[in-house]
C-alpha cells in the first residue's frame, strides 16, 4: 500500500468517527468540536486530491468562521439538553427508517455513477484552481450557488431570531420606546413642604409628658 493511500484511509476513518460523534455526543460544544475535526479530515483528503484551494477554503471558512458562529449560537441559546433527550428513543424507529432510505438512495446514485464511469486523463494542474472553480460556479452551477446563498441567509436570520427571544431571567426593553421617551417621562418634580430640625425637635418636646 502506498503512503498516499494509507493517508487517505486514515483521514477517511477519522472523518467517519468524528461525524459519528457529532450526532452521538451529549454535550453540544463537544459535538461542534468533533465537527471541526471532521472538517480538518476532509481538508486533508482535498489536499491528497491536489485541490489545495478547496482545502484552504474549507479550513478558513468552515472551521475559522462558521464553526465559531455555531459555538457562539450554542452558548447563547442555553439549550436544555436533558429536555431534548426525554423522548429520544421514541423517535429512533422513524429516524432509522428515514436514515435507511437516504443511504439506499445515495447507494443507488453512486452505484449507477460507478457503472457508467469512464476513466479519462485529466490535467491535474487545473484541479482545484480558483479560475476553473469560479467558471463552474457562475456558469454551470449558478442556480445551486444562489439557492445555497438563500438557505444560508435564512439560517442567519433564524439564528438571530432565536437569540432575541424573551427570557424571564433577563430584562428587555423596546429601543423604539426608548427613542420616543420625553423629558417629563424620565423626571418628575414633586413639591413638598419644608421641614426643619428645630421644628421637629419642638414638636417632640411638646408631646413628651
N, C-alpha and C. Protein backbone atom coordinates (compact mmCIF):
# COMPACT_ATOMS: atom_id res chain seq x y z
N UNK A 1 0.85 -1.20 0.00
CA UNK A 1 0.00 0.00 0.00
C UNK A 1 0.88 1.25 0.00
N UNK A 2 0.55 2.19 -0.86
CA UNK A 2 1.31 3.42 -0.93
C UNK A 2 1.01 4.31 0.28
N UNK A 3 1.94 5.23 0.54
CA UNK A 3 1.78 6.13 1.67
C UNK A 3 0.58 7.05 1.46
N UNK A 4 0.35 7.49 0.23
CA UNK A 4 -0.78 8.36 -0.07
C UNK A 4 -2.11 7.64 0.17
N UNK A 5 -2.16 6.37 -0.21
CA UNK A 5 -3.38 5.59 0.02
C UNK A 5 -3.63 5.38 1.51
N UNK A 6 -2.55 5.14 2.27
CA UNK A 6 -2.69 4.97 3.72
C UNK A 6 -3.20 6.25 4.37
N UNK A 7 -2.71 7.41 3.91
CA UNK A 7 -3.20 8.68 4.44
C UNK A 7 -4.68 8.88 4.11
N UNK A 8 -5.08 8.49 2.92
CA UNK A 8 -6.49 8.62 2.54
C UNK A 8 -7.38 7.80 3.46
N UNK A 9 -7.00 6.55 3.72
CA UNK A 9 -7.82 5.72 4.60
C UNK A 9 -7.80 6.25 6.03
N UNK A 10 -6.66 6.80 6.47
CA UNK A 10 -6.58 7.35 7.83
C UNK A 10 -7.49 8.56 7.98
N UNK A 11 -7.42 9.49 7.02
CA UNK A 11 -8.29 10.67 7.07
C UNK A 11 -9.76 10.28 6.96
N UNK A 12 -10.05 9.30 6.12
CA UNK A 12 -11.44 8.87 5.96
C UNK A 12 -11.98 8.25 7.25
N UNK A 13 -11.17 7.42 7.91
CA UNK A 13 -11.61 6.80 9.16
C UNK A 13 -11.83 7.84 10.25
N UNK A 14 -10.91 8.80 10.34
CA UNK A 14 -11.06 9.87 11.35
C UNK A 14 -12.31 10.69 11.07
N UNK A 15 -12.58 10.98 9.79
CA UNK A 15 -13.75 11.78 9.44
C UNK A 15 -15.05 11.04 9.76
N UNK A 16 -15.09 9.74 9.48
CA UNK A 16 -16.30 8.96 9.78
C UNK A 16 -16.53 8.88 11.29
N UNK A 17 -15.46 8.64 12.06
CA UNK A 17 -15.60 8.57 13.52
C UNK A 17 -16.02 9.92 14.10
N UNK A 18 -15.42 11.01 13.59
CA UNK A 18 -15.79 12.34 14.08
C UNK A 18 -17.24 12.68 13.74
N UNK A 19 -17.68 12.33 12.52
CA UNK A 19 -19.07 12.59 12.14
C UNK A 19 -20.04 11.78 13.00
N UNK A 20 -19.63 10.56 13.37
CA UNK A 20 -20.48 9.76 14.25
C UNK A 20 -20.59 10.38 15.63
N UNK A 21 -19.48 10.92 16.13
CA UNK A 21 -19.50 11.55 17.44
C UNK A 21 -20.28 12.87 17.43
N UNK A 22 -20.39 13.50 16.26
CA UNK A 22 -21.17 14.74 16.18
C UNK A 22 -22.63 14.49 16.55
N UNK A 23 -23.17 13.36 16.12
CA UNK A 23 -24.60 13.08 16.38
C UNK A 23 -24.81 12.24 17.64
N UNK A 24 -23.74 11.75 18.25
CA UNK A 24 -23.89 10.94 19.47
C UNK A 24 -23.37 11.62 20.72
N UNK A 25 -22.63 12.71 20.58
CA UNK A 25 -22.10 13.40 21.76
C UNK A 25 -23.23 14.05 22.56
N UNK A 26 -23.15 13.96 23.87
CA UNK A 26 -24.18 14.53 24.74
C UNK A 26 -24.04 16.05 24.88
N UNK A 27 -22.80 16.52 24.87
CA UNK A 27 -22.56 17.96 25.02
C UNK A 27 -22.54 18.62 23.65
N UNK A 28 -23.35 19.67 23.42
CA UNK A 28 -23.35 20.33 22.10
C UNK A 28 -22.00 20.94 21.74
N UNK A 29 -21.26 21.43 22.72
CA UNK A 29 -19.94 22.00 22.44
C UNK A 29 -18.99 20.91 21.96
N UNK A 30 -19.03 19.74 22.59
CA UNK A 30 -18.20 18.62 22.15
C UNK A 30 -18.58 18.20 20.73
N UNK A 31 -19.88 18.20 20.41
CA UNK A 31 -20.32 17.86 19.07
C UNK A 31 -19.76 18.84 18.04
N UNK A 32 -19.76 20.13 18.38
CA UNK A 32 -19.20 21.13 17.46
C UNK A 32 -17.70 20.93 17.27
N UNK A 33 -16.99 20.57 18.33
CA UNK A 33 -15.55 20.32 18.21
C UNK A 33 -15.27 19.08 17.36
N UNK A 34 -16.09 18.05 17.48
CA UNK A 34 -15.93 16.88 16.61
C UNK A 34 -16.22 17.24 15.16
N UNK A 35 -17.14 18.17 14.93
CA UNK A 35 -17.40 18.62 13.57
C UNK A 35 -16.19 19.35 13.00
N UNK A 36 -15.49 20.11 13.84
CA UNK A 36 -14.24 20.75 13.42
C UNK A 36 -13.22 19.69 13.00
N UNK A 37 -13.11 18.62 13.77
CA UNK A 37 -12.18 17.54 13.43
C UNK A 37 -12.55 16.89 12.10
N UNK A 38 -13.83 16.71 11.85
CA UNK A 38 -14.25 16.12 10.57
C UNK A 38 -13.93 17.06 9.41
N UNK A 39 -14.06 18.38 9.62
CA UNK A 39 -13.70 19.33 8.57
C UNK A 39 -12.20 19.27 8.27
N UNK A 40 -11.37 19.17 9.30
CA UNK A 40 -9.93 19.07 9.09
C UNK A 40 -9.59 17.79 8.33
N UNK A 41 -10.26 16.70 8.64
CA UNK A 41 -10.01 15.45 7.92
C UNK A 41 -10.42 15.57 6.45
N UNK A 42 -11.55 16.22 6.20
CA UNK A 42 -11.97 16.43 4.81
C UNK A 42 -10.98 17.33 4.08
N UNK A 43 -10.44 18.33 4.76
CA UNK A 43 -9.42 19.19 4.13
C UNK A 43 -8.17 18.38 3.79
N UNK A 44 -7.80 17.44 4.65
CA UNK A 44 -6.67 16.58 4.34
C UNK A 44 -6.90 15.73 3.10
N UNK A 45 -8.11 15.24 2.93
CA UNK A 45 -8.45 14.46 1.73
C UNK A 45 -8.39 15.34 0.49
N UNK A 46 -8.86 16.59 0.61
CA UNK A 46 -8.76 17.52 -0.52
C UNK A 46 -7.29 17.77 -0.88
N UNK A 47 -6.43 17.86 0.12
CA UNK A 47 -5.01 18.05 -0.16
C UNK A 47 -4.43 16.86 -0.90
N UNK A 48 -4.85 15.66 -0.53
CA UNK A 48 -4.37 14.47 -1.23
C UNK A 48 -4.84 14.45 -2.69
N UNK A 49 -6.00 15.05 -2.96
CA UNK A 49 -6.52 15.12 -4.32
C UNK A 49 -5.96 16.30 -5.11
N UNK A 50 -4.96 17.00 -4.52
CA UNK A 50 -4.30 18.15 -5.15
C UNK A 50 -5.27 19.31 -5.39
N UNK A 51 -6.25 19.45 -4.52
CA UNK A 51 -7.18 20.58 -4.56
C UNK A 51 -6.88 21.47 -3.35
N UNK A 52 -5.74 22.17 -3.42
CA UNK A 52 -5.28 22.94 -2.27
C UNK A 52 -6.21 24.10 -1.94
N UNK A 53 -6.75 24.74 -2.98
CA UNK A 53 -7.63 25.88 -2.72
C UNK A 53 -8.88 25.46 -1.95
N UNK A 54 -9.48 24.36 -2.35
CA UNK A 54 -10.68 23.89 -1.65
C UNK A 54 -10.36 23.50 -0.21
N UNK A 55 -9.19 22.91 0.01
CA UNK A 55 -8.81 22.54 1.37
C UNK A 55 -8.62 23.77 2.24
N UNK A 56 -7.97 24.80 1.70
CA UNK A 56 -7.74 26.03 2.48
C UNK A 56 -9.07 26.73 2.76
N UNK A 57 -9.95 26.77 1.76
CA UNK A 57 -11.26 27.41 1.96
C UNK A 57 -12.07 26.66 3.01
N UNK A 58 -11.99 25.33 2.99
CA UNK A 58 -12.72 24.54 3.98
C UNK A 58 -12.25 24.84 5.39
N UNK A 59 -10.95 25.00 5.56
CA UNK A 59 -10.42 25.29 6.90
C UNK A 59 -10.72 26.72 7.31
N UNK A 60 -10.48 27.68 6.41
CA UNK A 60 -10.65 29.08 6.79
C UNK A 60 -12.12 29.46 6.97
N UNK A 61 -12.98 29.01 6.05
CA UNK A 61 -14.39 29.44 6.09
C UNK A 61 -15.17 28.63 7.11
N UNK A 62 -15.13 27.30 6.99
CA UNK A 62 -15.97 26.47 7.85
C UNK A 62 -15.41 26.35 9.26
N UNK A 63 -14.13 26.08 9.37
CA UNK A 63 -13.54 25.92 10.71
C UNK A 63 -13.31 27.27 11.35
N UNK A 64 -12.81 28.24 10.59
CA UNK A 64 -12.46 29.52 11.18
C UNK A 64 -13.62 30.46 11.41
N UNK A 65 -14.70 30.32 10.65
CA UNK A 65 -15.81 31.26 10.76
C UNK A 65 -17.11 30.59 11.13
N UNK A 66 -17.52 29.61 10.35
CA UNK A 66 -18.84 29.00 10.57
C UNK A 66 -18.89 28.25 11.89
N UNK A 67 -17.84 27.50 12.22
CA UNK A 67 -17.85 26.75 13.47
C UNK A 67 -17.79 27.65 14.68
N UNK A 68 -17.06 28.77 14.57
CA UNK A 68 -17.05 29.73 15.67
C UNK A 68 -18.45 30.30 15.87
N UNK A 69 -19.16 30.57 14.76
CA UNK A 69 -20.54 31.04 14.86
C UNK A 69 -21.43 29.98 15.50
N UNK A 70 -21.24 28.71 15.12
CA UNK A 70 -22.01 27.64 15.74
C UNK A 70 -21.80 27.60 17.24
N UNK A 71 -20.55 27.71 17.68
CA UNK A 71 -20.25 27.66 19.11
C UNK A 71 -20.91 28.83 19.84
N UNK A 72 -20.86 30.02 19.27
CA UNK A 72 -21.50 31.17 19.90
C UNK A 72 -23.00 30.97 19.99
N UNK A 73 -23.62 30.45 18.93
CA UNK A 73 -25.07 30.23 18.93
C UNK A 73 -25.44 29.18 19.98
N UNK A 74 -24.66 28.11 20.07
CA UNK A 74 -24.95 27.06 21.05
C UNK A 74 -24.86 27.62 22.47
N UNK A 75 -23.85 28.45 22.73
CA UNK A 75 -23.68 29.01 24.08
C UNK A 75 -24.75 30.05 24.39
N UNK A 76 -25.16 30.83 23.39
CA UNK A 76 -26.15 31.88 23.64
C UNK A 76 -27.56 31.31 23.78
N UNK A 77 -27.85 30.20 23.09
CA UNK A 77 -29.19 29.63 23.18
C UNK A 77 -29.46 28.97 24.52
N UNK A 78 -28.41 28.54 25.20
CA UNK A 78 -28.55 27.86 26.50
C UNK A 78 -29.53 26.68 26.37
N UNK A 79 -29.18 25.74 25.49
CA UNK A 79 -30.08 24.63 25.17
C UNK A 79 -30.17 23.68 26.36
N UNK A 80 -31.38 23.30 26.69
CA UNK A 80 -31.62 22.31 27.74
C UNK A 80 -31.53 20.92 27.12
N UNK A 81 -30.35 20.32 27.18
CA UNK A 81 -30.15 19.01 26.53
C UNK A 81 -30.93 17.90 27.22
N UNK A 82 -31.14 18.01 28.52
CA UNK A 82 -31.90 16.97 29.23
C UNK A 82 -33.34 16.89 28.72
N UNK A 83 -33.93 18.04 28.44
CA UNK A 83 -35.30 18.05 27.94
C UNK A 83 -35.38 17.48 26.53
N UNK A 84 -34.32 17.71 25.72
CA UNK A 84 -34.31 17.20 24.36
C UNK A 84 -34.17 15.68 24.32
N UNK A 85 -33.53 15.10 25.34
CA UNK A 85 -33.30 13.66 25.35
C UNK A 85 -34.43 12.87 26.00
N UNK A 86 -35.48 13.56 26.44
CA UNK A 86 -36.53 12.85 27.16
C UNK A 86 -37.18 11.77 26.31
N UNK A 87 -37.51 12.07 25.07
CA UNK A 87 -38.20 11.11 24.19
C UNK A 87 -37.31 10.72 23.03
N UNK A 88 -35.99 10.54 23.32
CA UNK A 88 -35.04 10.23 22.25
C UNK A 88 -35.33 8.87 21.62
N UNK A 89 -35.52 7.86 22.45
CA UNK A 89 -35.74 6.51 21.93
C UNK A 89 -37.09 6.38 21.24
N UNK A 90 -38.02 7.27 21.52
CA UNK A 90 -39.31 7.22 20.84
C UNK A 90 -39.21 7.60 19.37
N UNK A 91 -38.25 8.49 19.04
CA UNK A 91 -38.05 8.89 17.66
C UNK A 91 -37.07 7.99 16.92
N UNK A 92 -36.46 7.04 17.59
CA UNK A 92 -35.44 6.20 16.96
C UNK A 92 -35.98 5.38 15.79
N UNK A 93 -37.16 4.73 15.87
CA UNK A 93 -37.63 3.95 14.70
C UNK A 93 -37.84 4.81 13.46
N UNK A 94 -38.46 5.97 13.63
CA UNK A 94 -38.70 6.85 12.47
C UNK A 94 -37.37 7.35 11.91
N UNK A 95 -36.45 7.74 12.80
CA UNK A 95 -35.15 8.23 12.34
C UNK A 95 -34.36 7.13 11.63
N UNK A 96 -34.44 5.91 12.13
CA UNK A 96 -33.75 4.79 11.47
C UNK A 96 -34.34 4.51 10.09
N UNK A 97 -35.65 4.56 9.99
CA UNK A 97 -36.31 4.32 8.70
C UNK A 97 -35.89 5.38 7.67
N UNK A 98 -35.92 6.65 8.08
CA UNK A 98 -35.51 7.73 7.16
C UNK A 98 -34.03 7.59 6.81
N UNK A 99 -33.19 7.23 7.79
CA UNK A 99 -31.76 7.07 7.51
C UNK A 99 -31.49 5.95 6.53
N UNK A 100 -32.20 4.84 6.66
CA UNK A 100 -32.02 3.72 5.72
C UNK A 100 -32.42 4.13 4.31
N UNK A 101 -33.52 4.87 4.18
CA UNK A 101 -33.96 5.34 2.86
C UNK A 101 -32.90 6.24 2.22
N UNK A 102 -32.35 7.15 3.01
CA UNK A 102 -31.33 8.06 2.48
C UNK A 102 -30.09 7.29 2.04
N UNK A 103 -29.67 6.31 2.84
CA UNK A 103 -28.49 5.51 2.48
C UNK A 103 -28.74 4.73 1.20
N UNK A 104 -29.93 4.15 1.04
CA UNK A 104 -30.24 3.40 -0.18
C UNK A 104 -30.27 4.32 -1.40
N UNK A 105 -30.82 5.51 -1.25
CA UNK A 105 -30.84 6.45 -2.37
C UNK A 105 -29.44 6.86 -2.78
N UNK A 106 -28.59 7.17 -1.80
CA UNK A 106 -27.21 7.55 -2.11
C UNK A 106 -26.45 6.38 -2.73
N UNK A 107 -26.69 5.16 -2.23
CA UNK A 107 -26.01 3.99 -2.80
C UNK A 107 -26.44 3.76 -4.24
N UNK A 108 -27.74 3.95 -4.54
CA UNK A 108 -28.20 3.77 -5.92
C UNK A 108 -27.57 4.78 -6.86
N UNK A 109 -27.47 6.04 -6.42
CA UNK A 109 -26.87 7.07 -7.27
C UNK A 109 -25.39 6.79 -7.49
N UNK A 110 -24.67 6.46 -6.42
CA UNK A 110 -23.23 6.20 -6.55
C UNK A 110 -22.97 4.94 -7.37
N UNK A 111 -23.78 3.90 -7.18
CA UNK A 111 -23.56 2.66 -7.93
C UNK A 111 -23.78 2.88 -9.42
N UNK A 112 -24.78 3.66 -9.80
CA UNK A 112 -25.01 3.96 -11.22
C UNK A 112 -23.86 4.80 -11.78
N UNK A 113 -23.33 5.71 -10.95
CA UNK A 113 -22.20 6.52 -11.41
C UNK A 113 -20.96 5.67 -11.60
N UNK A 114 -20.73 4.71 -10.70
CA UNK A 114 -19.56 3.85 -10.83
C UNK A 114 -19.67 2.95 -12.06
N UNK A 115 -20.87 2.50 -12.39
CA UNK A 115 -21.03 1.63 -13.55
C UNK A 115 -20.78 2.37 -14.86
N UNK A 116 -21.20 3.65 -14.90
CA UNK A 116 -21.03 4.44 -16.12
C UNK A 116 -19.78 5.30 -16.10
N UNK A 117 -18.85 5.00 -15.20
CA UNK A 117 -17.64 5.81 -15.06
C UNK A 117 -16.67 5.47 -16.18
N UNK A 118 -16.23 6.51 -16.87
CA UNK A 118 -15.25 6.35 -17.96
C UNK A 118 -13.99 7.10 -17.57
N UNK A 119 -12.95 6.38 -17.27
CA UNK A 119 -11.72 6.98 -16.79
C UNK A 119 -10.99 7.65 -17.95
N UNK A 120 -10.72 8.95 -17.78
CA UNK A 120 -10.03 9.71 -18.80
C UNK A 120 -8.91 10.50 -18.15
N UNK A 121 -7.95 10.82 -18.96
CA UNK A 121 -6.82 11.61 -18.47
C UNK A 121 -7.26 13.05 -18.23
N UNK A 122 -6.94 13.57 -17.08
CA UNK A 122 -7.32 14.93 -16.71
C UNK A 122 -6.06 15.71 -16.38
N UNK A 123 -6.04 16.97 -16.79
CA UNK A 123 -4.91 17.83 -16.48
C UNK A 123 -4.94 18.18 -15.00
N UNK A 124 -4.00 17.64 -14.25
CA UNK A 124 -4.01 17.83 -12.80
C UNK A 124 -3.74 19.26 -12.40
N UNK A 125 -3.16 20.05 -13.30
CA UNK A 125 -2.86 21.44 -12.96
C UNK A 125 -4.09 22.31 -12.84
N UNK A 126 -5.22 21.89 -13.44
CA UNK A 126 -6.44 22.68 -13.38
C UNK A 126 -7.37 22.27 -12.25
N UNK A 127 -7.06 21.19 -11.54
CA UNK A 127 -7.92 20.72 -10.47
C UNK A 127 -7.75 21.62 -9.24
N UNK A 128 -8.83 22.14 -8.73
CA UNK A 128 -8.77 22.96 -7.52
C UNK A 128 -8.35 24.38 -7.74
N UNK A 129 -8.22 24.82 -9.02
CA UNK A 129 -7.82 26.19 -9.29
C UNK A 129 -8.97 27.15 -9.10
N UNK A 130 -8.66 28.38 -8.75
CA UNK A 130 -9.71 29.38 -8.50
C UNK A 130 -10.42 29.79 -9.78
N UNK A 131 -9.69 29.87 -10.90
CA UNK A 131 -10.31 30.29 -12.15
C UNK A 131 -11.31 29.25 -12.64
N UNK A 132 -10.90 27.99 -12.68
CA UNK A 132 -11.80 26.93 -13.14
C UNK A 132 -12.99 26.77 -12.20
N UNK A 133 -12.74 26.89 -10.89
CA UNK A 133 -13.82 26.77 -9.92
C UNK A 133 -14.83 27.90 -10.07
N UNK A 134 -14.34 29.12 -10.27
CA UNK A 134 -15.24 30.25 -10.46
C UNK A 134 -16.07 30.14 -11.72
N UNK A 135 -15.45 29.66 -12.81
CA UNK A 135 -16.19 29.48 -14.05
C UNK A 135 -17.30 28.45 -13.89
N UNK A 136 -17.02 27.36 -13.16
CA UNK A 136 -18.04 26.34 -12.96
C UNK A 136 -19.18 26.84 -12.08
N UNK A 137 -18.83 27.56 -11.01
CA UNK A 137 -19.86 28.02 -10.06
C UNK A 137 -20.80 29.02 -10.72
N UNK A 138 -20.23 29.99 -11.46
CA UNK A 138 -21.05 31.08 -12.00
C UNK A 138 -21.58 30.81 -13.41
N UNK A 139 -21.39 29.61 -13.92
CA UNK A 139 -21.97 29.24 -15.22
C UNK A 139 -22.84 28.00 -15.10
N UNK A 140 -22.22 26.87 -14.83
CA UNK A 140 -22.94 25.60 -14.81
C UNK A 140 -23.75 25.42 -13.53
N UNK A 141 -23.22 25.87 -12.39
CA UNK A 141 -23.87 25.64 -11.10
C UNK A 141 -24.37 26.94 -10.48
N UNK A 142 -24.77 27.90 -11.31
CA UNK A 142 -25.21 29.20 -10.78
C UNK A 142 -26.49 29.07 -9.97
N UNK A 143 -27.44 28.23 -10.39
CA UNK A 143 -28.69 28.10 -9.65
C UNK A 143 -28.47 27.44 -8.28
N UNK A 144 -27.66 26.40 -8.25
CA UNK A 144 -27.33 25.79 -6.96
C UNK A 144 -26.60 26.74 -6.04
N UNK A 145 -25.72 27.58 -6.59
CA UNK A 145 -24.99 28.56 -5.79
C UNK A 145 -25.94 29.58 -5.19
N UNK A 146 -26.89 30.08 -5.98
CA UNK A 146 -27.85 31.06 -5.47
C UNK A 146 -28.79 30.44 -4.43
N UNK A 147 -29.19 29.19 -4.64
CA UNK A 147 -30.06 28.52 -3.65
C UNK A 147 -29.32 28.33 -2.33
N UNK A 148 -28.04 27.94 -2.41
CA UNK A 148 -27.25 27.79 -1.19
C UNK A 148 -27.10 29.12 -0.46
N UNK A 149 -26.92 30.21 -1.20
CA UNK A 149 -26.81 31.53 -0.57
C UNK A 149 -28.12 31.91 0.12
N UNK A 150 -29.26 31.61 -0.51
CA UNK A 150 -30.55 31.92 0.11
C UNK A 150 -30.77 31.10 1.37
N UNK A 151 -30.37 29.82 1.35
CA UNK A 151 -30.52 28.97 2.53
C UNK A 151 -29.65 29.48 3.68
N UNK A 152 -28.43 29.91 3.38
CA UNK A 152 -27.55 30.46 4.42
C UNK A 152 -28.13 31.75 4.99
N UNK A 153 -28.73 32.57 4.15
CA UNK A 153 -29.34 33.81 4.64
C UNK A 153 -30.50 33.51 5.58
N UNK A 154 -31.33 32.54 5.22
CA UNK A 154 -32.44 32.14 6.10
C UNK A 154 -31.91 31.59 7.42
N UNK A 155 -30.82 30.82 7.37
CA UNK A 155 -30.24 30.27 8.60
C UNK A 155 -29.71 31.38 9.51
N UNK A 156 -29.09 32.40 8.93
CA UNK A 156 -28.59 33.51 9.73
C UNK A 156 -29.74 34.27 10.39
N UNK A 157 -30.81 34.53 9.63
CA UNK A 157 -31.97 35.23 10.21
C UNK A 157 -32.61 34.40 11.31
N UNK A 158 -32.69 33.09 11.12
CA UNK A 158 -33.27 32.22 12.15
C UNK A 158 -32.40 32.22 13.41
N UNK A 159 -31.08 32.21 13.24
CA UNK A 159 -30.20 32.24 14.41
C UNK A 159 -30.36 33.53 15.20
N UNK A 160 -30.47 34.66 14.49
CA UNK A 160 -30.67 35.94 15.18
C UNK A 160 -32.02 35.96 15.88
N UNK A 161 -33.06 35.43 15.23
CA UNK A 161 -34.40 35.42 15.84
C UNK A 161 -34.43 34.54 17.09
N UNK A 162 -33.70 33.43 17.08
CA UNK A 162 -33.67 32.56 18.26
C UNK A 162 -32.94 33.20 19.43
N UNK A 163 -31.89 33.94 19.15
CA UNK A 163 -31.14 34.57 20.24
C UNK A 163 -31.85 35.79 20.82
N UNK A 164 -32.83 36.34 20.10
CA UNK A 164 -33.55 37.51 20.59
C UNK A 164 -34.85 37.16 21.29
N UNK A 165 -35.04 35.92 21.65
CA UNK A 165 -36.26 35.54 22.35
C UNK A 165 -36.26 36.10 23.77
N UNK A 166 -37.46 36.26 24.34
CA UNK A 166 -37.58 36.83 25.68
C UNK A 166 -37.33 35.76 26.73
N UNK A 167 -36.56 36.12 27.75
CA UNK A 167 -36.27 35.23 28.86
C UNK A 167 -36.70 35.89 30.16
N UNK A 168 -37.10 35.06 31.12
CA UNK A 168 -37.58 35.60 32.38
C UNK A 168 -36.46 36.12 33.28
N UNK A 169 -35.25 35.58 33.11
CA UNK A 169 -34.15 35.98 33.98
C UNK A 169 -33.38 37.18 33.45
N UNK A 170 -33.82 37.80 32.36
CA UNK A 170 -33.15 38.98 31.82
C UNK A 170 -34.17 40.07 31.57
N UNK A 171 -33.70 41.30 31.55
CA UNK A 171 -34.56 42.45 31.32
C UNK A 171 -34.43 42.90 29.87
N UNK A 172 -35.56 43.19 29.24
CA UNK A 172 -35.58 43.62 27.86
C UNK A 172 -36.36 44.94 27.76
N UNK A 173 -35.99 45.77 26.83
CA UNK A 173 -36.72 47.00 26.56
C UNK A 173 -36.78 47.20 25.05
N UNK A 174 -37.80 47.95 24.66
CA UNK A 174 -38.01 48.22 23.25
C UNK A 174 -37.21 49.46 22.87
N UNK A 175 -36.26 49.37 21.92
CA UNK A 175 -35.49 50.56 21.54
C UNK A 175 -36.37 51.68 21.01
N UNK A 176 -37.49 51.35 20.36
CA UNK A 176 -38.39 52.39 19.85
C UNK A 176 -39.00 53.20 21.00
N UNK A 177 -39.37 52.52 22.10
CA UNK A 177 -39.90 53.24 23.27
C UNK A 177 -38.83 54.12 23.89
N UNK A 178 -37.58 53.66 23.90
CA UNK A 178 -36.51 54.46 24.47
C UNK A 178 -36.24 55.72 23.63
N UNK A 179 -36.44 55.63 22.32
CA UNK A 179 -36.24 56.81 21.47
C UNK A 179 -37.39 57.80 21.62
N UNK A 180 -38.61 57.29 21.78
CA UNK A 180 -39.79 58.17 21.87
C UNK A 180 -40.00 58.78 23.25
N UNK A 181 -39.22 58.42 24.23
CA UNK A 181 -39.42 58.92 25.58
C UNK A 181 -39.16 60.42 25.65
N UNK A 182 -39.90 61.12 26.50
CA UNK A 182 -39.76 62.56 26.66
C UNK A 182 -39.13 62.89 28.01
N UNK A 183 -38.82 64.20 28.17
CA UNK A 183 -38.15 64.63 29.39
C UNK A 183 -39.03 64.44 30.61
N UNK A 184 -40.31 64.73 30.48
CA UNK A 184 -41.21 64.60 31.61
C UNK A 184 -41.43 63.15 32.02
N UNK A 185 -41.21 62.23 31.09
CA UNK A 185 -41.35 60.81 31.43
C UNK A 185 -40.17 60.29 32.25
N UNK A 186 -39.03 60.93 32.11
CA UNK A 186 -37.83 60.49 32.83
C UNK A 186 -37.72 61.10 34.23
N UNK A 187 -38.18 62.36 34.37
CA UNK A 187 -38.00 63.08 35.63
C UNK A 187 -39.32 63.75 36.03
N UNK A 188 -39.68 63.58 37.28
CA UNK A 188 -40.90 64.19 37.81
C UNK A 188 -40.56 64.95 39.08
N UNK A 189 -40.88 66.26 39.09
CA UNK A 189 -40.58 67.13 40.23
C UNK A 189 -41.81 67.21 41.13
N UNK A 190 -41.63 66.89 42.40
CA UNK A 190 -42.72 66.89 43.38
C UNK A 190 -42.42 67.96 44.43
N UNK A 191 -43.39 68.84 44.68
CA UNK A 191 -43.23 69.89 45.68
C UNK A 191 -43.75 69.41 47.03
N UNK A 192 -42.93 69.55 48.07
CA UNK A 192 -43.33 69.17 49.43
C UNK A 192 -43.01 70.33 50.37
N UNK A 193 -43.69 70.35 51.48
CA UNK A 193 -43.46 71.40 52.47
C UNK A 193 -42.13 71.15 53.18
N UNK A 194 -41.35 72.23 53.40
CA UNK A 194 -40.05 72.04 54.07
C UNK A 194 -40.24 71.74 55.55
N UNK A 195 -39.43 70.90 56.08
CA UNK A 195 -39.45 70.51 57.49
C UNK A 195 -38.06 70.76 58.06
N UNK A 196 -37.99 71.59 59.10
CA UNK A 196 -36.70 71.90 59.73
C UNK A 196 -36.48 71.01 60.93
N UNK A 197 -35.25 70.84 61.31
CA UNK A 197 -34.91 70.04 62.50
C UNK A 197 -35.37 70.71 63.79
N UNK A 198 -35.37 72.05 63.83
CA UNK A 198 -35.78 72.77 65.04
C UNK A 198 -37.26 72.57 65.29
N UNK A 199 -38.06 72.65 64.22
CA UNK A 199 -39.49 72.46 64.40
C UNK A 199 -39.82 71.05 64.82
N UNK A 200 -39.11 70.06 64.31
CA UNK A 200 -39.35 68.68 64.69
C UNK A 200 -38.98 68.45 66.15
N UNK A 201 -37.87 69.09 66.60
CA UNK A 201 -37.46 68.92 68.00
C UNK A 201 -38.46 69.56 68.95
N UNK A 202 -39.01 70.76 68.64
CA UNK A 202 -40.01 71.42 69.49
C UNK A 202 -41.26 70.58 69.57
N UNK A 203 -41.65 69.96 68.43
CA UNK A 203 -42.84 69.12 68.44
C UNK A 203 -42.65 67.91 69.33
N UNK A 204 -41.48 67.34 69.37
CA UNK A 204 -41.21 66.20 70.24
C UNK A 204 -41.24 66.61 71.70
N UNK A 205 -40.75 67.82 72.04
CA UNK A 205 -40.76 68.28 73.43
C UNK A 205 -42.20 68.51 73.91
N UNK A 206 -43.04 69.11 73.09
CA UNK A 206 -44.39 69.36 73.46
C UNK A 206 -45.16 68.06 73.67
N UNK A 207 -44.88 67.06 72.88
CA UNK A 207 -45.60 65.82 73.01
C UNK A 207 -45.12 64.99 74.19
N UNK A 208 -43.95 65.28 74.72
CA UNK A 208 -43.42 64.48 75.82
C UNK A 208 -44.19 64.82 77.10
N UNK A 209 -44.48 63.87 78.02
CA UNK A 209 -45.25 64.12 79.25
C UNK A 209 -44.42 64.92 80.25
